[in-house]
Each structure stands twice: as structure tokens, then as C-alpha cells.
């Protein structure tokens, strides 16, 4: 793979993996992990009217789901490590 191909493959696999999330999980991951200015747990707890701890739990579970989906995608493509 060239660097550009590798970067495109990474982006494609990440986008595929994010599709396993529901709307709330996706919003939390995008605003907490994929944003240049991450949203705080407090801001999200107010938005969703749930505790900061519950937001944190949803975030952890969502990241686990994305990791599992990425691993499946890598296995499907016979990729050892990216």
C-alpha cells in the first residue's frame, strides 16, 4: 500500500466501524473524541438529561463497539496491523 491508500483504507474502516453505533453513541463519540474542541461530560449530560457518569459509560461501551467492528473489518480484509 502507498501512504495515501493506507490513509484512505483507515478512514474507510473507521467510518464503517462507526456505523455500529446508535445516534446517541455516535454523537457522544464524535463530540468527545473526534472533535477539535471536545464537548465535556457535563455539556452532554445536560443535552441528554442523564448523569455525567452515564455519559462516560455510554462512551466506553461505544468505543468497545467501534473497536470490535474495526477488528472484524481488519479480519475481513486480512489485515494484520494498520
C-alpha atoms as a PDB file:
ATOM      1  CA  UNK A   1       0.000   0.000   0.000  1.00  0.00           C
ATOM      2  CA  UNK A   2       1.078   3.551  -0.637  1.00  0.00           C
ATOM      3  CA  UNK A   3       0.679   6.051   2.215  1.00  0.00           C
ATOM      4  CA  UNK A   4      -2.365   7.598   0.537  1.00  0.00           C
ATOM      5  CA  UNK A   5      -4.021   4.202   0.007  1.00  0.00           C
ATOM      6  CA  UNK A   6      -3.313   3.266   3.608  1.00  0.00           C
ATOM      7  CA  UNK A   7      -4.799   6.525   4.885  1.00  0.00           C
ATOM      8  CA  UNK A   8      -7.912   6.050   2.733  1.00  0.00           C
ATOM      9  CA  UNK A   9      -8.284   2.468   3.955  1.00  0.00           C
ATOM     10  CA  UNK A  10      -8.002   3.610   7.582  1.00  0.00           C
ATOM     11  CA  UNK A  11     -10.673   6.283   7.068  1.00  0.00           C
ATOM     12  CA  UNK A  12     -12.972   3.826   5.306  1.00  0.00           C
ATOM     13  CA  UNK A  13     -12.600   1.259   8.076  1.00  0.00           C
ATOM     14  CA  UNK A  14     -13.223   3.846  10.805  1.00  0.00           C
ATOM     15  CA  UNK A  15     -16.321   5.161   9.030  1.00  0.00           C
ATOM     16  CA  UNK A  16     -17.625   1.595   8.628  1.00  0.00           C
ATOM     17  CA  UNK A  17     -16.951   0.888  12.286  1.00  0.00           C
ATOM     18  CA  UNK A  18     -18.810   3.987  13.444  1.00  0.00           C
ATOM     19  CA  UNK A  19     -21.942   2.661  11.706  1.00  0.00           C
ATOM     20  CA  UNK A  20     -22.413   0.112  14.528  1.00  0.00           C
ATOM     21  CA  UNK A  21     -23.303   2.963  16.907  1.00  0.00           C
ATOM     22  CA  UNK A  22     -26.753   4.337  17.564  1.00  0.00           C
ATOM     23  CA  UNK A  23     -27.365   8.077  17.145  1.00  0.00           C
ATOM     24  CA  UNK A  24     -26.641   8.976  20.774  1.00  0.00           C
ATOM     25  CA  UNK A  25     -23.458   6.883  20.912  1.00  0.00           C
ATOM     26  CA  UNK A  26     -22.269   8.372  17.629  1.00  0.00           C
ATOM     27  CA  UNK A  27     -22.944  11.912  18.835  1.00  0.00           C
ATOM     28  CA  UNK A  28     -21.055  11.268  22.084  1.00  0.00           C
ATOM     29  CA  UNK A  29     -18.042   9.770  20.279  1.00  0.00           C
ATOM     30  CA  UNK A  30     -17.977  12.468  17.618  1.00  0.00           C
ATOM     31  CA  UNK A  31     -18.229  15.333  20.089  1.00  0.00           C
ATOM     32  CA  UNK A  32     -15.914  13.816  22.731  1.00  0.00           C
ATOM     33  CA  UNK A  33     -13.248  12.047  20.629  1.00  0.00           C
ATOM     34  CA  UNK A  34     -13.417  13.246  17.031  1.00  0.00           C
ATOM     35  CA  UNK A  35     -13.862  16.968  17.569  1.00  0.00           C
ATOM     36  CA  UNK A  36     -11.136  19.608  17.636  1.00  0.00           C
ATOM     37  CA  UNK A  37     -12.820  21.064  20.715  1.00  0.00           C
ATOM     38  CA  UNK A  38     -14.220  18.117  22.695  1.00  0.00           C
ATOM     39  CA  UNK A  39     -17.528  18.505  24.485  1.00  0.00           C
ATOM     40  CA  UNK A  40     -17.443  17.975  28.240  1.00  0.00           C
ATOM     41  CA  UNK A  41     -19.295  15.217  30.069  1.00  0.00           C
ATOM     42  CA  UNK A  42     -21.239  17.999  31.809  1.00  0.00           C
ATOM     43  CA  UNK A  43     -22.402  19.504  28.490  1.00  0.00           C
ATOM     44  CA  UNK A  44     -23.516  16.115  27.193  1.00  0.00           C
ATOM     45  CA  UNK A  45     -25.234  15.219  30.462  1.00  0.00           C
ATOM     46  CA  UNK A  46     -27.305  18.399  30.131  1.00  0.00           C
ATOM     47  CA  UNK A  47     -28.039  17.716  26.469  1.00  0.00           C
ATOM     48  CA  UNK A  48     -29.280  14.164  27.129  1.00  0.00           C
ATOM     49  CA  UNK A  49     -30.634  14.830  30.630  1.00  0.00           C
ATOM     50  CA  UNK A  50     -28.610  11.997  32.165  1.00  0.00           C
ATOM     51  CA  UNK A  51     -25.666  11.947  34.575  1.00  0.00           C
ATOM     52  CA  UNK A  52     -22.063  12.591  33.571  1.00  0.00           C
ATOM     53  CA  UNK A  53     -21.255   9.062  34.759  1.00  0.00           C
ATOM     54  CA  UNK A  54     -23.890   7.624  32.407  1.00  0.00           C
ATOM     55  CA  UNK A  55     -22.383   9.611  29.510  1.00  0.00           C
ATOM     56  CA  UNK A  56     -18.966   8.191  30.411  1.00  0.00           C
ATOM     57  CA  UNK A  57     -20.391   4.644  30.490  1.00  0.00           C
ATOM     58  CA  UNK A  58     -22.035   5.109  27.079  1.00  0.00           C
ATOM     59  CA  UNK A  59     -18.752   6.488  25.714  1.00  0.00           C
ATOM     60  CA  UNK A  60     -16.754   3.498  26.995  1.00  0.00           C
ATOM     61  CA  UNK A  61     -19.238   0.980  25.575  1.00  0.00           C
ATOM     62  CA  UNK A  62     -19.395   2.808  22.247  1.00  0.00           C
ATOM     63  CA  UNK A  63     -15.596   2.747  21.963  1.00  0.00           C
ATOM     64  CA  UNK A  64     -15.655  -1.000  22.671  1.00  0.00           C
ATOM     65  CA  UNK A  65     -18.243  -1.492  19.907  1.00  0.00           C
ATOM     66  CA  UNK A  66     -16.125   0.518  17.457  1.00  0.00           C
ATOM     67  CA  UNK A  67     -13.007  -1.457  18.388  1.00  0.00           C
ATOM     68  CA  UNK A  68     -14.826  -4.772  17.831  1.00  0.00           C
ATOM     69  CA  UNK A  69     -16.139  -3.571  14.469  1.00  0.00           C
ATOM     70  CA  UNK A  70     -12.647  -2.406  13.447  1.00  0.00           C
ATOM     71  CA  UNK A  71     -11.171  -5.776  14.372  1.00  0.00           C
ATOM     72  CA  UNK A  72     -13.847  -7.550  12.313  1.00  0.00           C
ATOM     73  CA  UNK A  73     -13.172  -5.236   9.391  1.00  0.00           C
ATOM     74  CA  UNK A  74      -9.439  -5.910   9.611  1.00  0.00           C
ATOM     75  CA  UNK A  75     -10.038  -9.667   9.775  1.00  0.00           C
ATOM     76  CA  UNK A  76     -12.385  -9.460   6.796  1.00  0.00           C
ATOM     77  CA  UNK A  77      -9.676  -7.692   4.827  1.00  0.00           C
ATOM     78  CA  UNK A  78      -6.883  -9.964   6.135  1.00  0.00           C
ATOM     79  CA  UNK A  79      -5.017  -7.002   7.577  1.00  0.00           C
ATOM     80  CA  UNK A  80      -2.627  -7.729  10.410  1.00  0.00           C
ATOM     81  CA  UNK A  81      -1.956  -4.204  11.670  1.00  0.00           C
ATOM     82  CA  UNK A  82      -2.646  -0.692  10.463  1.00  0.00           C
END
